[in-house]
Amino acid sequence: MKKLNLLTPILIALLVFTANIVFAQIAGPSDAISAPPATSADAGKIECYGSPISLSGPQDVGGVDFTKYHWYKIDATGTAQLVTAMTGRTYTETSGAPGYYNYQVVTENANGCTSPISDVFKIYVLPQLTVAITTPTSSMCAIASSASLLTASPTPASGYALNYQWTRNGVTIPGATSATYNVTGETSAATVTFGVNVTYALNTSCPATGTQNIILTPLPTKPMITAN
C-alpha cells in the first residue's frame, strides 16, 4: 500500500509529461517574416490584430461531425505540430503578433479511421493600425484664402495599402480620400475638428482614427483712423 502511494506522484508526473509532448503549445504566428498577402484572396482569411482565430473542420457524410478532429499548427520551422485532438469541429485561438497562422486538420471517424492531412489553411493577422495627424499650424485666420495642410501619419507606415477618409466635425468630406487634406475656405470663427479614418485595403474592418483641432481666429474689424 505504501509503495502505491509513493508511485502515484510519479505516475501523475509521467501523464503530465506525456500530455505536453502530444499537444504542442505554439504561441504566435507560424510565419512572422514573409510579406503580407497582395490581396485578400491570397490567404484563407485576413484578421485584425488581436481578433480571435476560429476554424471549422469538415463534416462526415450526412452533415454530421466526425468523431474527432486532430488540429495541427505549423511552427516557425515549418513543422506541423499537433495542438489538440477534440470532438468538436471548431478550433479557436487568440491571435497575438502579426503574421501568418497556418493550420492543418485530420478527421477521425467512429471506427478510428483517419483521413489524410488537409492542405494548409493560412490566416494572416494584420499589425495593429494607428494614425496621427500632423500640420504646420493648428491656428488659421477665418478667411477663405487661409490654408493648413493636414497629413495622416499611420503606423505601420509602409508595406500595406491603406484607405483614407477625412471628416469635418464628424461628417465625411466627399472626395477627401488621400493621405493629406488641405483645410481651406473656412470663413467662420470656430474650433473645427478634422479627423481621418484609416483602414487596410486587405480588411476594412480594422480602422484607426485620428483627429486634429483647427482654431479659426476672426479677422479684426475694419479700422477707422481718427485725428488727434
C-alpha atoms as a PDB file:
ATOM      1  CA  MET A   1       0.000   0.000   0.000  1.00  0.00           C
ATOM      2  CA  LYS A   2       2.852   2.350   0.850  1.00  0.00           C
ATOM      3  CA  LYS A   3       4.562   1.559  -2.475  1.00  0.00           C
ATOM      4  CA  LEU A   4       1.411   2.512  -4.383  1.00  0.00           C
ATOM      5  CA  ASN A   5       1.259   5.846  -2.585  1.00  0.00           C
ATOM      6  CA  LEU A   6       4.889   6.528  -3.476  1.00  0.00           C
ATOM      7  CA  LEU A   7       4.311   5.679  -7.125  1.00  0.00           C
ATOM      8  CA  THR A   8       1.186   7.815  -7.509  1.00  0.00           C
ATOM      9  CA  PRO A   9       3.002  11.194  -7.816  1.00  0.00           C
ATOM     10  CA  ILE A  10       5.409   9.650 -10.326  1.00  0.00           C
ATOM     11  CA  LEU A  11       2.546   8.333 -12.460  1.00  0.00           C
ATOM     12  CA  ILE A  12       0.849  11.739 -12.403  1.00  0.00           C
ATOM     13  CA  ALA A  13       4.076  13.440 -13.451  1.00  0.00           C
ATOM     14  CA  LEU A  14       4.500  10.985 -16.321  1.00  0.00           C
ATOM     15  CA  LEU A  15       0.960  11.626 -17.525  1.00  0.00           C
ATOM     16  CA  VAL A  16       1.507  15.383 -17.477  1.00  0.00           C
ATOM     17  CA  PHE A  17       4.830  14.994 -19.289  1.00  0.00           C
ATOM     18  CA  THR A  18       3.223  12.787 -21.953  1.00  0.00           C
ATOM     19  CA  ALA A  19       0.372  15.253 -22.463  1.00  0.00           C
ATOM     20  CA  ASN A  20       2.858  18.059 -23.005  1.00  0.00           C
ATOM     21  CA  ILE A  21       4.625  16.005 -25.688  1.00  0.00           C
ATOM     22  CA  VAL A  22       1.452  15.080 -27.560  1.00  0.00           C
ATOM     23  CA  PHE A  23      -0.150  18.506 -27.594  1.00  0.00           C
ATOM     24  CA  ALA A  24       2.275  21.263 -28.520  1.00  0.00           C
ATOM     25  CA  GLN A  25       1.689  24.803 -27.346  1.00  0.00           C
ATOM     26  CA  ILE A  26       2.585  27.135 -30.236  1.00  0.00           C
ATOM     27  CA  ALA A  27       2.040  30.774 -29.415  1.00  0.00           C
ATOM     28  CA  GLY A  28       2.023  33.484 -32.046  1.00  0.00           C
ATOM     29  CA  PRO A  29       2.327  33.235 -35.819  1.00  0.00           C
ATOM     30  CA  SER A  30       3.673  30.325 -37.827  1.00  0.00           C
ATOM     31  CA  ASP A  31       5.482  32.814 -40.068  1.00  0.00           C
ATOM     32  CA  ALA A  32       6.100  36.405 -38.976  1.00  0.00           C
ATOM     33  CA  ILE A  33       8.692  37.151 -41.687  1.00  0.00           C
ATOM     34  CA  SER A  34       7.061  36.641 -45.096  1.00  0.00           C
ATOM     35  CA  ALA A  35       5.468  39.609 -46.843  1.00  0.00           C
ATOM     36  CA  PRO A  36       1.728  40.100 -46.323  1.00  0.00           C
ATOM     37  CA  PRO A  37      -0.723  38.849 -48.956  1.00  0.00           C
ATOM     38  CA  ALA A  38      -1.003  41.009 -52.057  1.00  0.00           C
ATOM     39  CA  THR A  39      -4.791  40.598 -51.988  1.00  0.00           C
ATOM     40  CA  SER A  40      -7.314  39.115 -49.582  1.00  0.00           C
ATOM     41  CA  ALA A  41      -7.650  36.145 -51.955  1.00  0.00           C
ATOM     42  CA  ASP A  42      -4.038  35.147 -51.239  1.00  0.00           C
ATOM     43  CA  ALA A  43      -4.892  33.899 -47.728  1.00  0.00           C
ATOM     44  CA  GLY A  44      -7.751  31.883 -46.302  1.00  0.00           C
ATOM     45  CA  LYS A  45      -8.745  34.856 -44.157  1.00  0.00           C
ATOM     46  CA  ILE A  46      -7.360  38.251 -43.141  1.00  0.00           C
ATOM     47  CA  GLU A  47      -7.833  39.019 -39.449  1.00  0.00           C
ATOM     48  CA  CYS A  48      -7.496  42.255 -37.491  1.00  0.00           C
ATOM     49  CA  TYR A  49      -4.818  42.482 -34.815  1.00  0.00           C
ATOM     50  CA  GLY A  50      -5.997  40.833 -31.592  1.00  0.00           C
ATOM     51  CA  SER A  51      -9.015  39.177 -33.192  1.00  0.00           C
ATOM     52  CA  PRO A  52      -9.793  35.561 -32.241  1.00  0.00           C
ATOM     53  CA  ILE A  53      -8.978  32.927 -34.849  1.00  0.00           C
ATOM     54  CA  SER A  54     -11.804  30.455 -35.406  1.00  0.00           C
ATOM     55  CA  LEU A  55     -11.542  27.469 -37.759  1.00  0.00           C
ATOM     56  CA  SER A  56     -14.112  24.825 -38.676  1.00  0.00           C
ATOM     57  CA  GLY A  57     -13.335  21.320 -39.871  1.00  0.00           C
ATOM     58  CA  PRO A  58     -15.434  19.429 -42.437  1.00  0.00           C
ATOM     59  CA  GLN A  59     -18.343  17.139 -41.595  1.00  0.00           C
ATOM     60  CA  ASP A  60     -18.895  13.488 -42.434  1.00  0.00           C
ATOM     61  CA  VAL A  61     -21.469  12.128 -44.884  1.00  0.00           C
ATOM     62  CA  GLY A  62     -24.956  13.238 -43.906  1.00  0.00           C
ATOM     63  CA  GLY A  63     -23.780  16.510 -42.371  1.00  0.00           C
ATOM     64  CA  VAL A  64     -22.685  15.023 -39.047  1.00  0.00           C
ATOM     65  CA  ASP A  65     -19.456  15.806 -37.237  1.00  0.00           C
ATOM     66  CA  PHE A  66     -16.587  13.361 -37.286  1.00  0.00           C
ATOM     67  CA  THR A  67     -15.810  11.623 -34.011  1.00  0.00           C
ATOM     68  CA  LYS A  68     -12.573  13.530 -33.582  1.00  0.00           C
ATOM     69  CA  TYR A  69     -10.642  16.397 -35.179  1.00  0.00           C
ATOM     70  CA  HIS A  70      -6.849  16.460 -34.912  1.00  0.00           C
ATOM     71  CA  TRP A  71      -5.740  20.082 -35.329  1.00  0.00           C
ATOM     72  CA  TYR A  72      -2.172  20.926 -36.317  1.00  0.00           C
ATOM     73  CA  LYS A  73      -0.447  24.294 -36.297  1.00  0.00           C
ATOM     74  CA  ILE A  74       2.726  24.865 -38.277  1.00  0.00           C
ATOM     75  CA  ASP A  75       5.542  26.249 -36.152  1.00  0.00           C
ATOM     76  CA  ALA A  76       8.263  28.734 -37.105  1.00  0.00           C
ATOM     77  CA  THR A  77      10.433  25.925 -38.526  1.00  0.00           C
ATOM     78  CA  GLY A  78       7.673  24.814 -40.913  1.00  0.00           C
ATOM     79  CA  THR A  79       6.814  21.693 -38.911  1.00  0.00           C
ATOM     80  CA  ALA A  80       3.170  20.742 -38.322  1.00  0.00           C
ATOM     81  CA  GLN A  81       2.653  20.288 -34.571  1.00  0.00           C
ATOM     82  CA  LEU A  82      -0.420  18.609 -33.081  1.00  0.00           C
ATOM     83  CA  VAL A  83      -2.104  21.190 -30.852  1.00  0.00           C
ATOM     84  CA  THR A  84      -5.326  19.390 -29.956  1.00  0.00           C
ATOM     85  CA  ALA A  85      -7.492  16.354 -30.678  1.00  0.00           C
ATOM     86  CA  MET A  86     -11.091  17.302 -29.977  1.00  0.00           C
ATOM     87  CA  THR A  87     -14.644  16.118 -30.529  1.00  0.00           C
ATOM     88  CA  GLY A  88     -15.955  19.472 -31.753  1.00  0.00           C
ATOM     89  CA  ARG A  89     -15.246  20.631 -35.297  1.00  0.00           C
ATOM     90  CA  THR A  90     -14.339  24.215 -34.316  1.00  0.00           C
ATOM     91  CA  TYR A  91     -10.847  25.217 -33.222  1.00  0.00           C
ATOM     92  CA  THR A  92     -10.193  28.661 -31.742  1.00  0.00           C
ATOM     93  CA  GLU A  93      -7.062  30.566 -30.832  1.00  0.00           C
ATOM     94  CA  THR A  94      -6.312  34.122 -29.754  1.00  0.00           C
ATOM     95  CA  SER A  95      -4.045  35.858 -32.231  1.00  0.00           C
ATOM     96  CA  GLY A  96      -1.018  37.716 -30.964  1.00  0.00           C
ATOM     97  CA  ALA A  97       1.751  39.155 -33.116  1.00  0.00           C
ATOM     98  CA  PRO A  98       1.063  39.847 -36.813  1.00  0.00           C
ATOM     99  CA  GLY A  99       1.947  37.318 -39.497  1.00  0.00           C
ATOM    100  CA  TYR A 100       0.716  34.055 -40.994  1.00  0.00           C
ATOM    101  CA  TYR A 101      -1.005  31.492 -38.767  1.00  0.00           C
ATOM    102  CA  ASN A 102      -1.005  28.186 -40.680  1.00  0.00           C
ATOM    103  CA  TYR A 103      -3.136  25.153 -39.818  1.00  0.00           C
ATOM    104  CA  GLN A 104      -3.970  21.614 -40.941  1.00  0.00           C
ATOM    105  CA  VAL A 105      -6.537  19.099 -39.728  1.00  0.00           C
ATOM    106  CA  VAL A 106      -7.034  15.332 -39.749  1.00  0.00           C
ATOM    107  CA  THR A 107     -10.502  13.872 -39.226  1.00  0.00           C
ATOM    108  CA  GLU A 108     -11.237  10.576 -37.468  1.00  0.00           C
ATOM    109  CA  ASN A 109     -14.461   8.567 -37.720  1.00  0.00           C
ATOM    110  CA  ALA A 110     -16.154   6.319 -35.146  1.00  0.00           C
ATOM    111  CA  ASN A 111     -14.137   3.301 -36.320  1.00  0.00           C
ATOM    112  CA  GLY A 112     -10.857   5.084 -35.650  1.00  0.00           C
ATOM    113  CA  CYS A 113     -10.097   5.571 -39.345  1.00  0.00           C
ATOM    114  CA  THR A 114      -8.245   8.802 -40.049  1.00  0.00           C
ATOM    115  CA  SER A 115      -8.162  10.970 -43.154  1.00  0.00           C
ATOM    116  CA  PRO A 116      -5.062  12.246 -44.934  1.00  0.00           C
ATOM    117  CA  ILE A 117      -3.916  15.564 -43.507  1.00  0.00           C
ATOM    118  CA  SER A 118      -5.588  18.580 -45.092  1.00  0.00           C
ATOM    119  CA  ASP A 119      -3.937  21.250 -47.189  1.00  0.00           C
ATOM    120  CA  VAL A 120      -2.500  24.168 -45.236  1.00  0.00           C
ATOM    121  CA  PHE A 121      -5.050  26.855 -44.357  1.00  0.00           C
ATOM    122  CA  LYS A 122      -3.412  30.265 -43.959  1.00  0.00           C
ATOM    123  CA  ILE A 123      -4.722  33.116 -41.837  1.00  0.00           C
ATOM    124  CA  TYR A 124      -2.922  36.440 -41.937  1.00  0.00           C
ATOM    125  CA  VAL A 125      -3.130  38.677 -38.871  1.00  0.00           C
ATOM    126  CA  LEU A 126      -2.564  42.360 -39.620  1.00  0.00           C
ATOM    127  CA  PRO A 127      -0.404  44.594 -37.416  1.00  0.00           C
ATOM    128  CA  GLN A 128      -2.178  46.955 -35.049  1.00  0.00           C
ATOM    129  CA  LEU A 129      -3.045  50.106 -37.006  1.00  0.00           C
ATOM    130  CA  THR A 130      -2.720  53.595 -35.507  1.00  0.00           C
ATOM    131  CA  VAL A 131      -2.724  57.068 -37.051  1.00  0.00           C
ATOM    132  CA  ALA A 132      -1.731  60.577 -36.016  1.00  0.00           C
ATOM    133  CA  ILE A 133      -2.395  63.864 -37.836  1.00  0.00           C
ATOM    134  CA  THR A 134       0.350  66.419 -38.285  1.00  0.00           C
ATOM    135  CA  THR A 135       0.023  70.017 -39.510  1.00  0.00           C
ATOM    136  CA  PRO A 136       2.354  73.044 -39.783  1.00  0.00           C
ATOM    137  CA  THR A 137      -0.152  75.135 -37.852  1.00  0.00           C
ATOM    138  CA  SER A 138      -3.289  74.461 -35.836  1.00  0.00           C
ATOM    139  CA  SER A 139      -4.431  78.097 -35.960  1.00  0.00           C
ATOM    140  CA  MET A 140      -5.724  79.960 -39.018  1.00  0.00           C
ATOM    141  CA  CYS A 141      -7.349  83.247 -39.822  1.00  0.00           C
ATOM    142  CA  ALA A 142     -11.043  82.806 -40.639  1.00  0.00           C
ATOM    143  CA  ILE A 143     -10.683  83.830 -44.268  1.00  0.00           C
ATOM    144  CA  ALA A 144     -11.123  81.772 -47.443  1.00  0.00           C
ATOM    145  CA  SER A 145      -7.521  82.201 -48.562  1.00  0.00           C
ATOM    146  CA  SER A 146      -6.020  80.735 -45.361  1.00  0.00           C
ATOM    147  CA  ALA A 147      -4.856  77.124 -45.540  1.00  0.00           C
ATOM    148  CA  SER A 148      -3.449  74.397 -43.333  1.00  0.00           C
ATOM    149  CA  LEU A 149      -2.248  71.065 -44.733  1.00  0.00           C
ATOM    150  CA  LEU A 150      -3.207  68.039 -42.625  1.00  0.00           C
ATOM    151  CA  THR A 151      -1.141  64.874 -43.068  1.00  0.00           C
ATOM    152  CA  ALA A 152      -2.165  61.426 -41.831  1.00  0.00           C
ATOM    153  CA  SER A 153       0.830  59.535 -40.407  1.00  0.00           C
ATOM    154  CA  PRO A 154      -0.150  55.880 -39.962  1.00  0.00           C
ATOM    155  CA  THR A 155       1.713  53.056 -38.243  1.00  0.00           C
ATOM    156  CA  PRO A 156       2.764  50.808 -39.933  1.00  0.00           C
ATOM    157  CA  ALA A 157       3.974  53.463 -42.354  1.00  0.00           C
ATOM    158  CA  SER A 158       4.730  51.084 -45.239  1.00  0.00           C
ATOM    159  CA  GLY A 159       4.160  47.582 -46.537  1.00  0.00           C
ATOM    160  CA  TYR A 160       0.367  47.793 -46.733  1.00  0.00           C
ATOM    161  CA  ALA A 161      -2.157  49.512 -48.990  1.00  0.00           C
ATOM    162  CA  LEU A 162      -4.310  51.848 -46.898  1.00  0.00           C
ATOM    163  CA  ASN A 163      -7.615  53.658 -47.399  1.00  0.00           C
ATOM    164  CA  TYR A 164      -8.188  57.208 -46.097  1.00  0.00           C
ATOM    165  CA  GLN A 165     -11.358  59.186 -45.411  1.00  0.00           C
ATOM    166  CA  TRP A 166     -11.307  62.683 -43.892  1.00  0.00           C
ATOM    167  CA  THR A 167     -14.095  64.181 -41.830  1.00  0.00           C
ATOM    168  CA  ARG A 168     -15.051  67.675 -40.612  1.00  0.00           C
ATOM    169  CA  ASN A 169     -16.721  67.738 -37.208  1.00  0.00           C
ATOM    170  CA  GLY A 170     -17.542  64.056 -37.677  1.00  0.00           C
ATOM    171  CA  VAL A 171     -19.106  64.492 -41.138  1.00  0.00           C
ATOM    172  CA  THR A 172     -17.499  62.807 -44.147  1.00  0.00           C
ATOM    173  CA  ILE A 173     -15.799  65.194 -46.576  1.00  0.00           C
ATOM    174  CA  PRO A 174     -16.653  63.977 -50.112  1.00  0.00           C
ATOM    175  CA  GLY A 175     -13.583  63.169 -52.194  1.00  0.00           C
ATOM    176  CA  ALA A 176     -11.134  63.585 -49.306  1.00  0.00           C
ATOM    177  CA  THR A 177      -9.565  60.133 -49.603  1.00  0.00           C
ATOM    178  CA  SER A 178      -5.813  60.723 -49.769  1.00  0.00           C
ATOM    179  CA  ALA A 179      -3.192  60.770 -47.019  1.00  0.00           C
ATOM    180  CA  THR A 180      -3.363  64.592 -46.892  1.00  0.00           C
ATOM    181  CA  TYR A 181      -6.153  67.145 -46.681  1.00  0.00           C
ATOM    182  CA  ASN A 182      -5.787  70.881 -47.232  1.00  0.00           C
ATOM    183  CA  VAL A 183      -8.027  72.920 -44.930  1.00  0.00           C
ATOM    184  CA  THR A 184      -9.139  75.983 -46.831  1.00  0.00           C
ATOM    185  CA  GLY A 185     -12.240  78.090 -47.430  1.00  0.00           C
ATOM    186  CA  GLU A 186     -13.050  78.402 -43.713  1.00  0.00           C
ATOM    187  CA  THR A 187     -14.555  81.834 -43.077  1.00  0.00           C
ATOM    188  CA  SER A 188     -16.316  81.445 -39.707  1.00  0.00           C
ATOM    189  CA  ALA A 189     -14.511  81.828 -36.400  1.00  0.00           C
ATOM    190  CA  ALA A 190     -14.672  78.498 -34.570  1.00  0.00           C
ATOM    191  CA  THR A 191     -12.706  75.463 -33.456  1.00  0.00           C
ATOM    192  CA  VAL A 192     -13.196  72.790 -36.105  1.00  0.00           C
ATOM    193  CA  THR A 193     -12.273  69.142 -35.548  1.00  0.00           C
ATOM    194  CA  PHE A 194     -10.862  67.414 -38.597  1.00  0.00           C
ATOM    195  CA  GLY A 195     -10.492  63.649 -38.487  1.00  0.00           C
ATOM    196  CA  VAL A 196      -9.177  60.833 -40.625  1.00  0.00           C
ATOM    197  CA  ASN A 197     -10.315  57.229 -40.727  1.00  0.00           C
ATOM    198  CA  VAL A 198      -7.677  54.788 -41.988  1.00  0.00           C
ATOM    199  CA  THR A 199      -8.278  51.151 -42.905  1.00  0.00           C
ATOM    200  CA  TYR A 200      -6.285  48.360 -44.501  1.00  0.00           C
ATOM    201  CA  ALA A 201      -7.220  47.569 -48.103  1.00  0.00           C
ATOM    202  CA  LEU A 202      -6.899  43.880 -47.109  1.00  0.00           C
ATOM    203  CA  ASN A 203      -9.553  44.215 -44.395  1.00  0.00           C
ATOM    204  CA  THR A 204     -11.530  47.423 -43.983  1.00  0.00           C
ATOM    205  CA  SER A 205     -12.940  46.317 -40.613  1.00  0.00           C
ATOM    206  CA  CYS A 206      -9.653  47.208 -38.849  1.00  0.00           C
ATOM    207  CA  PRO A 207      -9.919  51.020 -38.626  1.00  0.00           C
ATOM    208  CA  ALA A 208      -7.723  53.584 -36.938  1.00  0.00           C
ATOM    209  CA  THR A 209      -8.852  57.174 -36.361  1.00  0.00           C
ATOM    210  CA  GLY A 210      -7.081  60.418 -35.563  1.00  0.00           C
ATOM    211  CA  THR A 211      -8.289  63.976 -35.000  1.00  0.00           C
ATOM    212  CA  GLN A 212      -6.807  67.469 -35.128  1.00  0.00           C
ATOM    213  CA  ASN A 213      -8.459  70.698 -33.982  1.00  0.00           C
ATOM    214  CA  ILE A 214      -8.003  73.763 -36.159  1.00  0.00           C
ATOM    215  CA  ILE A 215      -8.686  77.095 -34.445  1.00  0.00           C
ATOM    216  CA  LEU A 216     -10.163  79.678 -36.832  1.00  0.00           C
ATOM    217  CA  THR A 217      -9.483  83.159 -35.496  1.00  0.00           C
ATOM    218  CA  PRO A 218     -11.779  86.026 -36.534  1.00  0.00           C
ATOM    219  CA  LEU A 219     -10.274  88.888 -38.516  1.00  0.00           C
ATOM    220  CA  PRO A 220     -10.020  92.251 -36.814  1.00  0.00           C
ATOM    221  CA  THR A 221     -12.776  94.643 -37.837  1.00  0.00           C
ATOM    222  CA  LYS A 222     -12.043  97.311 -40.410  1.00  0.00           C
ATOM    223  CA  PRO A 223     -10.061 100.005 -38.639  1.00  0.00           C
ATOM    224  CA  MET A 224     -11.030 103.683 -38.581  1.00  0.00           C
ATOM    225  CA  ILE A 225      -8.445 106.451 -38.413  1.00  0.00           C
ATOM    226  CA  THR A 226      -9.053 109.414 -36.141  1.00  0.00           C
ATOM    227  CA  ALA A 227      -7.098 112.682 -35.834  1.00  0.00           C
ATOM    228  CA  ASN A 228      -5.601 113.785 -32.540  1.00  0.00           C
END
